[in-house]
PDB file of N, CA and C in Angstrom:
ATOM      1  N   UNK A   1     -15.870   6.243  -5.090  1.00  0.00           N
ATOM      2  CA  UNK A   1     -14.728   6.427  -5.984  1.00  0.00           C
ATOM      3  C   UNK A   1     -13.462   6.599  -5.173  1.00  0.00           C
ATOM      4  N   UNK A   2     -13.543   7.345  -4.060  1.00  0.00           N
ATOM      5  CA  UNK A   2     -12.356   7.537  -3.203  1.00  0.00           C
ATOM      6  C   UNK A   2     -11.939   6.210  -2.602  1.00  0.00           C
ATOM      7  N   UNK A   3     -12.897   5.365  -2.323  1.00  0.00           N
ATOM      8  CA  UNK A   3     -12.615   4.057  -1.736  1.00  0.00           C
ATOM      9  C   UNK A   3     -11.753   3.244  -2.687  1.00  0.00           C
ATOM     10  N   UNK A   4     -12.058   3.287  -3.937  1.00  0.00           N
ATOM     11  CA  UNK A   4     -11.298   2.569  -4.943  1.00  0.00           C
ATOM     12  C   UNK A   4      -9.875   3.075  -4.997  1.00  0.00           C
ATOM     13  N   UNK A   5      -9.712   4.337  -4.907  1.00  0.00           N
ATOM     14  CA  UNK A   5      -8.402   4.954  -4.978  1.00  0.00           C
ATOM     15  C   UNK A   5      -7.555   4.556  -3.778  1.00  0.00           C
ATOM     16  N   UNK A   6      -8.119   4.493  -2.622  1.00  0.00           N
ATOM     17  CA  UNK A   6      -7.376   4.197  -1.403  1.00  0.00           C
ATOM     18  C   UNK A   6      -6.827   2.772  -1.352  1.00  0.00           C
ATOM     19  N   UNK A   7      -7.607   1.797  -1.634  1.00  0.00           N
ATOM     20  CA  UNK A   7      -7.153   0.396  -1.569  1.00  0.00           C
ATOM     21  C   UNK A   7      -6.065   0.177  -2.591  1.00  0.00           C
ATOM     22  N   UNK A   8      -6.241   0.677  -3.745  1.00  0.00           N
ATOM     23  CA  UNK A   8      -5.236   0.505  -4.791  1.00  0.00           C
ATOM     24  C   UNK A   8      -3.926   1.109  -4.376  1.00  0.00           C
ATOM     25  N   UNK A   9      -3.991   2.237  -3.768  1.00  0.00           N
ATOM     26  CA  UNK A   9      -2.785   2.901  -3.335  1.00  0.00           C
ATOM     27  C   UNK A   9      -2.039   2.061  -2.311  1.00  0.00           C
ATOM     28  N   UNK A  10      -2.756   1.599  -1.344  1.00  0.00           N
ATOM     29  CA  UNK A  10      -2.140   0.800  -0.289  1.00  0.00           C
ATOM     30  C   UNK A  10      -1.429  -0.391  -0.888  1.00  0.00           C
ATOM     31  N   UNK A  11      -2.072  -1.050  -1.768  1.00  0.00           N
ATOM     32  CA  UNK A  11      -1.477  -2.223  -2.392  1.00  0.00           C
ATOM     33  C   UNK A  11      -0.251  -1.850  -3.212  1.00  0.00           C
ATOM     34  N   UNK A  12      -0.365  -0.801  -3.940  1.00  0.00           N
ATOM     35  CA  UNK A  12       0.766  -0.352  -4.744  1.00  0.00           C
ATOM     36  C   UNK A  12       1.924   0.104  -3.882  1.00  0.00           C
ATOM     37  N   UNK A  13       1.595   0.781  -2.826  1.00  0.00           N
ATOM     38  CA  UNK A  13       2.612   1.275  -1.905  1.00  0.00           C
ATOM     39  C   UNK A  13       3.375   0.094  -1.318  1.00  0.00           C
ATOM     40  N   UNK A  14       2.667  -0.879  -0.930  1.00  0.00           N
ATOM     41  CA  UNK A  14       3.281  -2.047  -0.335  1.00  0.00           C
ATOM     42  C   UNK A  14       4.227  -2.715  -1.318  1.00  0.00           C
ATOM     43  N   UNK A  15       3.787  -2.853  -2.534  1.00  0.00           N
ATOM     44  CA  UNK A  15       4.618  -3.492  -3.553  1.00  0.00           C
ATOM     45  C   UNK A  15       5.870  -2.681  -3.810  1.00  0.00           C
ATOM     46  N   UNK A  16       5.716  -1.396  -3.944  1.00  0.00           N
ATOM     47  CA  UNK A  16       6.853  -0.510  -4.224  1.00  0.00           C
ATOM     48  C   UNK A  16       7.837  -0.539  -3.063  1.00  0.00           C
ATOM     49  N   UNK A  17       7.346  -0.429  -1.863  1.00  0.00           N
ATOM     50  CA  UNK A  17       8.200  -0.434  -0.696  1.00  0.00           C
ATOM     51  C   UNK A  17       8.957  -1.748  -0.580  1.00  0.00           C
ATOM     52  N   UNK A  18       8.267  -2.825  -0.773  1.00  0.00           N
ATOM     53  CA  UNK A  18       8.915  -4.121  -0.668  1.00  0.00           C
ATOM     54  C   UNK A  18       9.947  -4.335  -1.743  1.00  0.00           C
ATOM     55  N   UNK A  19       9.651  -3.885  -2.944  1.00  0.00           N
ATOM     56  CA  UNK A  19      10.619  -4.018  -4.028  1.00  0.00           C
ATOM     57  C   UNK A  19      11.870  -3.208  -3.701  1.00  0.00           C
ATOM     58  N   UNK A  20      11.660  -2.013  -3.172  1.00  0.00           N
ATOM     59  CA  UNK A  20      12.796  -1.162  -2.836  1.00  0.00           C
ATOM     60  C   UNK A  20      13.590  -1.733  -1.667  1.00  0.00           C
ATOM     61  N   UNK A  21      12.890  -2.219  -0.658  1.00  0.00           N
ATOM     62  CA  UNK A  21      13.567  -2.754   0.527  1.00  0.00           C
ATOM     63  C   UNK A  21      14.262  -4.075   0.216  1.00  0.00           C
ATOM     64  N   UNK A  22      13.540  -4.971  -0.405  1.00  0.00           N
ATOM     65  CA  UNK A  22      14.092  -6.289  -0.707  1.00  0.00           C
ATOM     66  C   UNK A  22      15.196  -6.197  -1.769  1.00  0.00           C
ATOM     67  N   UNK A  23      14.970  -5.374  -2.765  1.00  0.00           N
ATOM     68  CA  UNK A  23      15.940  -5.248  -3.845  1.00  0.00           C
ATOM     69  C   UNK A  23      17.106  -4.348  -3.519  1.00  0.00           C
ATOM     70  N   UNK A  24      17.091  -3.697  -2.390  1.00  0.00           N
ATOM     71  CA  UNK A  24      18.178  -2.817  -2.007  1.00  0.00           C
ATOM     72  C   UNK A  24      18.238  -1.569  -2.874  1.00  0.00           C
ATOM     73  N   UNK A  25      17.145  -1.293  -3.536  1.00  0.00           N
ATOM     74  CA  UNK A  25      17.124  -0.127  -4.425  1.00  0.00           C
ATOM     75  C   UNK A  25      17.050   1.153  -3.614  1.00  0.00           C
ATOM     76  N   UNK A  26      17.520   2.208  -4.247  1.00  0.00           N
ATOM     77  CA  UNK A  26      17.389   3.518  -3.626  1.00  0.00           C
ATOM     78  C   UNK A  26      15.945   3.930  -3.869  1.00  0.00           C
ATOM     79  N   UNK A  27      15.695   5.180  -3.899  1.00  0.00           N
ATOM     80  CA  UNK A  27      14.339   5.664  -4.090  1.00  0.00           C
ATOM     81  C   UNK A  27      13.880   5.483  -5.534  1.00  0.00           C
ATOM     82  N   UNK A  28      12.599   5.120  -5.701  1.00  0.00           N
ATOM     83  CA  UNK A  28      12.003   5.049  -7.016  1.00  0.00           C
ATOM     84  C   UNK A  28      10.571   5.523  -6.930  1.00  0.00           C
ATOM     85  N   UNK A  29      10.017   5.907  -8.066  1.00  0.00           N
ATOM     86  CA  UNK A  29       8.649   6.420  -8.079  1.00  0.00           C
ATOM     87  C   UNK A  29       7.721   5.400  -8.732  1.00  0.00           C
ATOM     88  N   UNK A  30       6.593   5.175  -8.072  1.00  0.00           N
ATOM     89  CA  UNK A  30       5.574   4.299  -8.622  1.00  0.00           C
ATOM     90  C   UNK A  30       4.208   4.872  -8.271  1.00  0.00           C
ATOM     91  N   UNK A  31       3.366   4.963  -9.260  1.00  0.00           N
ATOM     92  CA  UNK A  31       2.023   5.481  -9.072  1.00  0.00           C
ATOM     93  C   UNK A  31       2.036   6.842  -8.357  1.00  0.00           C
ATOM     94  N   UNK A  32       2.960   7.675  -8.748  1.00  0.00           N
ATOM     95  CA  UNK A  32       3.100   9.033  -8.234  1.00  0.00           C
ATOM     96  C   UNK A  32       3.598   9.114  -6.795  1.00  0.00           C
ATOM     97  N   UNK A  33       4.163   8.040  -6.280  1.00  0.00           N
ATOM     98  CA  UNK A  33       4.658   8.037  -4.895  1.00  0.00           C
ATOM     99  C   UNK A  33       6.117   7.590  -4.869  1.00  0.00           C
ATOM    100  N   UNK A  34       6.858   8.145  -3.933  1.00  0.00           N
ATOM    101  CA  UNK A  34       8.260   7.778  -3.741  1.00  0.00           C
ATOM    102  C   UNK A  34       8.336   6.539  -2.841  1.00  0.00           C
ATOM    103  N   UNK A  35       9.127   5.574  -3.227  1.00  0.00           N
ATOM    104  CA  UNK A  35       9.215   4.311  -2.480  1.00  0.00           C
ATOM    105  C   UNK A  35       9.667   4.500  -1.031  1.00  0.00           C
ATOM    106  N   UNK A  36      10.474   5.507  -0.761  1.00  0.00           N
ATOM    107  CA  UNK A  36      10.913   5.707   0.605  1.00  0.00           C
ATOM    108  C   UNK A  36       9.752   6.145   1.496  1.00  0.00           C
ATOM    109  N   UNK A  37       8.800   6.832   0.921  1.00  0.00           N
ATOM    110  CA  UNK A  37       7.611   7.226   1.690  1.00  0.00           C
ATOM    111  C   UNK A  37       6.729   6.019   1.955  1.00  0.00           C
ATOM    112  N   UNK A  38       6.661   5.153   1.002  1.00  0.00           N
ATOM    113  CA  UNK A  38       5.813   3.988   1.133  1.00  0.00           C
ATOM    114  C   UNK A  38       6.261   3.052   2.248  1.00  0.00           C
ATOM    115  N   UNK A  39       7.534   3.054   2.522  1.00  0.00           N
ATOM    116  CA  UNK A  39       8.077   2.192   3.569  1.00  0.00           C
ATOM    117  C   UNK A  39       7.445   2.465   4.932  1.00  0.00           C
ATOM    118  N   UNK A  40       6.891   3.632   5.101  1.00  0.00           N
ATOM    119  CA  UNK A  40       6.257   3.979   6.379  1.00  0.00           C
ATOM    120  C   UNK A  40       5.039   3.115   6.678  1.00  0.00           C
ATOM    121  N   UNK A  41       4.515   2.452   5.658  1.00  0.00           N
ATOM    122  CA  UNK A  41       3.323   1.622   5.862  1.00  0.00           C
ATOM    123  C   UNK A  41       3.632   0.154   6.115  1.00  0.00           C
ATOM    124  N   UNK A  42       4.862  -0.276   5.944  1.00  0.00           N
ATOM    125  CA  UNK A  42       5.192  -1.674   6.093  1.00  0.00           C
ATOM    126  C   UNK A  42       4.810  -2.280   7.457  1.00  0.00           C
ATOM    127  N   UNK A  43       5.038  -1.605   8.576  1.00  0.00           N
ATOM    128  CA  UNK A  43       4.669  -2.213   9.854  1.00  0.00           C
ATOM    129  C   UNK A  43       3.178  -2.530   9.989  1.00  0.00           C
ATOM    130  N   UNK A  44       2.345  -1.863   9.198  1.00  0.00           N
ATOM    131  CA  UNK A  44       0.908  -2.065   9.283  1.00  0.00           C
ATOM    132  C   UNK A  44       0.397  -3.177   8.367  1.00  0.00           C
ATOM    133  N   UNK A  45       1.249  -3.726   7.511  1.00  0.00           N
ATOM    134  CA  UNK A  45       0.789  -4.707   6.531  1.00  0.00           C
ATOM    135  C   UNK A  45       1.619  -6.001   6.502  1.00  0.00           C
ATOM    136  N   UNK A  46       2.530  -6.127   7.435  1.00  0.00           N
ATOM    137  CA  UNK A  46       3.376  -7.329   7.478  1.00  0.00           C
ATOM    138  C   UNK A  46       3.355  -7.977   8.852  1.00  0.00           C
ATOM    139  N   UNK A  47       3.626  -9.261   8.858  1.00  0.00           N
ATOM    140  CA  UNK A  47       3.786  -9.989  10.102  1.00  0.00           C
ATOM    141  C   UNK A  47       2.493 -10.417  10.761  1.00  0.00           C
ATOM    142  N   UNK A  48       2.635 -11.251  11.770  1.00  0.00           N
ATOM    143  CA  UNK A  48       1.460 -11.786  12.467  1.00  0.00           C
ATOM    144  C   UNK A  48       0.802 -10.771  13.406  1.00  0.00           C
ATOM    145  N   UNK A  49       1.538  -9.739  13.792  1.00  0.00           N
ATOM    146  CA  UNK A  49       0.982  -8.734  14.707  1.00  0.00           C
ATOM    147  C   UNK A  49       1.275  -7.336  14.173  1.00  0.00           C
ATOM    148  N   UNK A  50       0.610  -6.954  13.081  1.00  0.00           N
ATOM    149  CA  UNK A  50       0.878  -5.643  12.493  1.00  0.00           C
ATOM    150  C   UNK A  50       0.432  -4.510  13.400  1.00  0.00           C
ATOM    151  N   UNK A  51       1.138  -3.397  13.298  1.00  0.00           N
ATOM    152  CA  UNK A  51       0.745  -2.231  14.076  1.00  0.00           C
ATOM    153  C   UNK A  51      -0.277  -1.414  13.293  1.00  0.00           C
ATOM    154  N   UNK A  52      -1.019  -0.551  13.978  1.00  0.00           N
ATOM    155  CA  UNK A  52      -1.935   0.312  13.252  1.00  0.00           C
ATOM    156  C   UNK A  52      -1.145   1.257  12.346  1.00  0.00           C
ATOM    157  N   UNK A  53      -1.745   1.717  11.244  1.00  0.00           N
ATOM    158  CA  UNK A  53      -1.023   2.637  10.379  1.00  0.00           C
ATOM    159  C   UNK A  53      -0.738   3.938  11.100  1.00  0.00           C
ATOM    160  N   UNK A  54       0.409   4.505  10.848  1.00  0.00           N
ATOM    161  CA  UNK A  54       0.783   5.774  11.460  1.00  0.00           C
ATOM    162  C   UNK A  54       0.153   6.929  10.665  1.00  0.00           C
ATOM    163  N   UNK A  55       0.186   8.107  11.249  1.00  0.00           N
ATOM    164  CA  UNK A  55      -0.322   9.282  10.552  1.00  0.00           C
ATOM    165  C   UNK A  55       0.490   9.511   9.289  1.00  0.00           C
ATOM    166  N   UNK A  56       1.786   9.238   9.358  1.00  0.00           N
ATOM    167  CA  UNK A  56       2.652   9.408   8.190  1.00  0.00           C
ATOM    168  C   UNK A  56       2.267   8.444   7.067  1.00  0.00           C
ATOM    169  N   UNK A  57       1.979   7.202   7.434  1.00  0.00           N
ATOM    170  CA  UNK A  57       1.556   6.216   6.460  1.00  0.00           C
ATOM    171  C   UNK A  57       0.260   6.663   5.793  1.00  0.00           C
ATOM    172  N   UNK A  58      -0.686   7.074   6.599  1.00  0.00           N
ATOM    173  CA  UNK A  58      -1.973   7.498   6.053  1.00  0.00           C
ATOM    174  C   UNK A  58      -1.841   8.733   5.164  1.00  0.00           C
ATOM    175  N   UNK A  59      -0.908   9.604   5.503  1.00  0.00           N
ATOM    176  CA  UNK A  59      -0.678  10.795   4.676  1.00  0.00           C
ATOM    177  C   UNK A  59      -0.144  10.382   3.298  1.00  0.00           C
ATOM    178  N   UNK A  60       0.707   9.364   3.288  1.00  0.00           N
ATOM    179  CA  UNK A  60       1.247   8.867   2.021  1.00  0.00           C
ATOM    180  C   UNK A  60       0.121   8.261   1.187  1.00  0.00           C
ATOM    181  N   UNK A  61      -0.725   7.485   1.827  1.00  0.00           N
ATOM    182  CA  UNK A  61      -1.818   6.812   1.143  1.00  0.00           C
ATOM    183  C   UNK A  61      -2.788   7.812   0.522  1.00  0.00           C
ATOM    184  N   UNK A  62      -3.034   8.913   1.203  1.00  0.00           N
ATOM    185  CA  UNK A  62      -3.951   9.924   0.695  1.00  0.00           C
ATOM    186  C   UNK A  62      -3.465  10.535  -0.613  1.00  0.00           C
ATOM    187  N   UNK A  63      -2.169  10.586  -0.840  1.00  0.00           N
ATOM    188  CA  UNK A  63      -1.608  11.230  -2.012  1.00  0.00           C
ATOM    189  C   UNK A  63      -1.397  10.295  -3.192  1.00  0.00           C
ATOM    190  N   UNK A  64      -1.554   9.028  -2.971  1.00  0.00           N
ATOM    191  CA  UNK A  64      -1.248   8.040  -4.012  1.00  0.00           C
ATOM    192  C   UNK A  64      -2.305   7.922  -5.091  1.00  0.00           C
ATOM    193  N   UNK A  65      -1.888   7.424  -6.245  1.00  0.00           N
ATOM    194  CA  UNK A  65      -2.790   7.097  -7.349  1.00  0.00           C
ATOM    195  C   UNK A  65      -3.297   5.688  -7.092  1.00  0.00           C
ATOM    196  N   UNK A  66      -4.437   5.597  -6.450  1.00  0.00           N
ATOM    197  CA  UNK A  66      -4.977   4.309  -6.016  1.00  0.00           C
ATOM    198  C   UNK A  66      -5.284   3.360  -7.162  1.00  0.00           C
ATOM    199  N   UNK A  67      -5.808   3.877  -8.242  1.00  0.00           N
ATOM    200  CA  UNK A  67      -6.139   3.010  -9.380  1.00  0.00           C
ATOM    201  C   UNK A  67      -4.878   2.364  -9.942  1.00  0.00           C
ATOM    202  N   UNK A  68      -3.817   3.115  -9.983  1.00  0.00           N
ATOM    203  CA  UNK A  68      -2.538   2.598 -10.463  1.00  0.00           C
ATOM    204  C   UNK A  68      -2.027   1.516  -9.510  1.00  0.00           C
ATOM    205  N   UNK A  69      -2.041   1.794  -8.240  1.00  0.00           N
ATOM    206  CA  UNK A  69      -1.506   0.875  -7.256  1.00  0.00           C
ATOM    207  C   UNK A  69      -2.329  -0.408  -7.128  1.00  0.00           C
ATOM    208  N   UNK A  70      -3.594  -0.301  -7.380  1.00  0.00           N
ATOM    209  CA  UNK A  70      -4.461  -1.485  -7.298  1.00  0.00           C
ATOM    210  C   UNK A  70      -4.000  -2.575  -8.259  1.00  0.00           C
ATOM    211  N   UNK A  71      -3.394  -2.185  -9.348  1.00  0.00           N
ATOM    212  CA  UNK A  71      -2.952  -3.162 -10.331  1.00  0.00           C
ATOM    213  C   UNK A  71      -1.811  -4.058  -9.805  1.00  0.00           C
ATOM    214  N   UNK A  72      -1.218  -3.687  -8.670  1.00  0.00           N
ATOM    215  CA  UNK A  72      -0.126  -4.471  -8.095  1.00  0.00           C
ATOM    216  C   UNK A  72      -0.595  -5.446  -7.006  1.00  0.00           C
ATOM    217  N   UNK A  73      -1.872  -5.447  -6.720  1.00  0.00           N
ATOM    218  CA  UNK A  73      -2.420  -6.255  -5.631  1.00  0.00           C
ATOM    219  C   UNK A  73      -2.007  -7.722  -5.702  1.00  0.00           C
ATOM    220  N   UNK A  74      -2.020  -8.293  -6.860  1.00  0.00           N
ATOM    221  CA  UNK A  74      -1.701  -9.722  -7.029  1.00  0.00           C
ATOM    222  C   UNK A  74      -0.275 -10.085  -6.638  1.00  0.00           C
ATOM    223  N   UNK A  75       0.625  -9.111  -6.606  1.00  0.00           N
ATOM    224  CA  UNK A  75       2.040  -9.378  -6.329  1.00  0.00           C
ATOM    225  C   UNK A  75       2.402  -9.247  -4.848  1.00  0.00           C
ATOM    226  N   UNK A  76       1.506  -8.770  -4.027  1.00  0.00           N
ATOM    227  CA  UNK A  76       1.822  -8.537  -2.616  1.00  0.00           C
ATOM    228  C   UNK A  76       2.405  -9.726  -1.874  1.00  0.00           C
ATOM    229  N   UNK A  77       1.834 -10.920  -1.993  1.00  0.00           N
ATOM    230  CA  UNK A  77       2.389 -12.053  -1.262  1.00  0.00           C
ATOM    231  C   UNK A  77       3.855 -12.344  -1.625  1.00  0.00           C
ATOM    232  N   UNK A  78       4.243 -12.020  -2.826  1.00  0.00           N
ATOM    233  CA  UNK A  78       5.628 -12.249  -3.255  1.00  0.00           C
ATOM    234  C   UNK A  78       6.615 -11.386  -2.478  1.00  0.00           C
ATOM    235  N   UNK A  79       6.129 -10.362  -1.832  1.00  0.00           N
ATOM    236  CA  UNK A  79       6.980  -9.440  -1.082  1.00  0.00           C
ATOM    237  C   UNK A  79       6.742  -9.539   0.422  1.00  0.00           C
ATOM    238  N   UNK A  80       6.075 -10.602   0.862  1.00  0.00           N
ATOM    239  CA  UNK A  80       5.854 -10.786   2.282  1.00  0.00           C
ATOM    240  C   UNK A  80       4.751  -9.916   2.848  1.00  0.00           C
ATOM    241  N   UNK A  81       3.919  -9.375   2.007  1.00  0.00           N
ATOM    242  CA  UNK A  81       2.829  -8.503   2.454  1.00  0.00           C
ATOM    243  C   UNK A  81       1.536  -9.317   2.498  1.00  0.00           C
ATOM    244  N   UNK A  82       0.811  -9.160   3.581  1.00  0.00           N
ATOM    245  CA  UNK A  82      -0.487  -9.802   3.738  1.00  0.00           C
ATOM    246  C   UNK A  82      -1.518  -9.001   2.952  1.00  0.00           C
ATOM    247  N   UNK A  83      -2.069  -9.570   1.879  1.00  0.00           N
ATOM    248  CA  UNK A  83      -3.031  -8.822   1.068  1.00  0.00           C
ATOM    249  C   UNK A  83      -4.253  -8.349   1.859  1.00  0.00           C
ATOM    250  N   UNK A  84      -4.704  -9.146   2.816  1.00  0.00           N
ATOM    251  CA  UNK A  84      -5.845  -8.741   3.630  1.00  0.00           C
ATOM    252  C   UNK A  84      -5.534  -7.504   4.443  1.00  0.00           C
ATOM    253  N   UNK A  85      -4.323  -7.459   5.035  1.00  0.00           N
ATOM    254  CA  UNK A  85      -3.940  -6.277   5.803  1.00  0.00           C
ATOM    255  C   UNK A  85      -3.787  -5.076   4.887  1.00  0.00           C
ATOM    256  N   UNK A  86      -3.226  -5.307   3.712  1.00  0.00           N
ATOM    257  CA  UNK A  86      -3.036  -4.226   2.757  1.00  0.00           C
ATOM    258  C   UNK A  86      -4.382  -3.664   2.308  1.00  0.00           C
ATOM    259  N   UNK A  87      -5.344  -4.540   2.052  1.00  0.00           N
ATOM    260  CA  UNK A  87      -6.651  -4.098   1.602  1.00  0.00           C
ATOM    261  C   UNK A  87      -7.401  -3.351   2.696  1.00  0.00           C
ATOM    262  N   UNK A  88      -7.089  -3.629   3.952  1.00  0.00           N
ATOM    263  CA  UNK A  88      -7.759  -2.964   5.065  1.00  0.00           C
ATOM    264  C   UNK A  88      -7.131  -1.610   5.422  1.00  0.00           C
ATOM    265  N   UNK A  89      -5.933  -1.372   4.949  1.00  0.00           N
ATOM    266  CA  UNK A  89      -5.209  -0.163   5.318  1.00  0.00           C
ATOM    267  C   UNK A  89      -5.931   1.144   4.965  1.00  0.00           C
ATOM    268  N   UNK A  90      -6.458   1.307   3.760  1.00  0.00           N
ATOM    269  CA  UNK A  90      -7.151   2.559   3.466  1.00  0.00           C
ATOM    270  C   UNK A  90      -8.279   2.846   4.441  1.00  0.00           C
ATOM    271  N   UNK A  91      -9.078   1.840   4.733  1.00  0.00           N
ATOM    272  CA  UNK A  91     -10.198   2.041   5.655  1.00  0.00           C
ATOM    273  C   UNK A  91      -9.699   2.441   7.034  1.00  0.00           C
ATOM    274  N   UNK A  92      -8.577   1.841   7.464  1.00  0.00           N
ATOM    275  CA  UNK A  92      -8.002   2.182   8.761  1.00  0.00           C
ATOM    276  C   UNK A  92      -7.504   3.618   8.784  1.00  0.00           C
ATOM    277  N   UNK A  93      -7.225   4.161   7.606  1.00  0.00           N
ATOM    278  CA  UNK A  93      -6.764   5.541   7.482  1.00  0.00           C
ATOM    279  C   UNK A  93      -7.931   6.496   7.200  1.00  0.00           C
ATOM    280  N   UNK A  94      -9.141   5.968   7.230  1.00  0.00           N
ATOM    281  CA  UNK A  94     -10.308   6.803   6.994  1.00  0.00           C
ATOM    282  C   UNK A  94     -10.555   7.095   5.522  1.00  0.00           C
ATOM    283  N   UNK A  95     -10.036   6.246   4.634  1.00  0.00           N
ATOM    284  CA  UNK A  95     -10.187   6.422   3.202  1.00  0.00           C
ATOM    285  C   UNK A  95     -11.079   5.327   2.632  1.00  0.00           C
ATOM    286  N   UNK A  96     -11.553   5.551   1.441  1.00  0.00           N
ATOM    287  CA  UNK A  96     -12.406   4.561   0.771  1.00  0.00           C
ATOM    288  C   UNK A  96     -11.590   3.828  -0.283  1.00  0.00           C
ATOM    289  N   UNK A  97     -11.482   2.499  -0.175  1.00  0.00           N
ATOM    290  CA  UNK A  97     -10.730   1.727  -1.160  1.00  0.00           C
ATOM    291  C   UNK A  97     -11.469   1.655  -2.487  1.00  0.00           C
ATOM    292  N   UNK A  98     -10.739   1.522  -3.586  1.00  0.00           N
ATOM    293  CA  UNK A  98     -11.362   1.411  -4.890  1.00  0.00           C
ATOM    294  C   UNK A  98     -12.126   0.099  -5.020  1.00  0.00           C
ATOM    295  N   UNK A  99     -13.334   0.112  -5.581  1.00  0.00           N
ATOM    296  CA  UNK A  99     -14.127  -1.129  -5.716  1.00  0.00           C
ATOM    297  C   UNK A  99     -13.415  -2.204  -6.540  1.00  0.00           C
ATOM    298  N   UNK A 100     -12.658  -1.816  -7.554  1.00  0.00           N
ATOM    299  CA  UNK A 100     -12.005  -2.810  -8.376  1.00  0.00           C
ATOM    300  C   UNK A 100     -10.905  -3.545  -7.636  1.00  0.00           C
ATOM    301  N   UNK A 101     -10.522  -3.075  -6.467  1.00  0.00           N
ATOM    302  CA  UNK A 101      -9.507  -3.751  -5.678  1.00  0.00           C
ATOM    303  C   UNK A 101     -10.100  -4.792  -4.762  1.00  0.00           C
ATOM    304  N   UNK A 102     -11.410  -4.848  -4.666  1.00  0.00           N
ATOM    305  CA  UNK A 102     -12.055  -5.863  -3.841  1.00  0.00           C
ATOM    306  C   UNK A 102     -11.973  -7.197  -4.547  1.00  0.00           C
ATOM    307  N   UNK A 103     -11.867  -8.245  -3.799  1.00  0.00           N
ATOM    308  CA  UNK A 103     -11.831  -9.572  -4.369  1.00  0.00           C
ATOM    309  C   UNK A 103     -10.420  -9.966  -4.805  1.00  0.00           C
ATOM    310  N   UNK A 104     -10.307 -11.089  -5.501  1.00  0.00           N
ATOM    311  CA  UNK A 104      -9.005 -11.627  -5.885  1.00  0.00           C
ATOM    312  C   UNK A 104      -8.235 -10.804  -6.865  1.00  0.00           C
TER     313      UNK A 104
END
């Protein structure tokens, strides 16, 4: 169950951060997380050579509503986020991704 929560969160975080960064928005809340906090995970889910998630990124992921964030998974590519990297982020943070976030 924790695994389901983690993957969803990562995906949601990525979407929220990208929307805030790309849209030039100030802070907004999505799935119980502040978009400025979510931005800490961007280096781990974008680009050809992503960095490992930071402790700060993992701390944000632990607090997120993973089930809520999982619903944003399909939109990640629209924001320049690699869905595979996003799906792997919870596990890299020692969390269990939600089962419903597996697959397309």
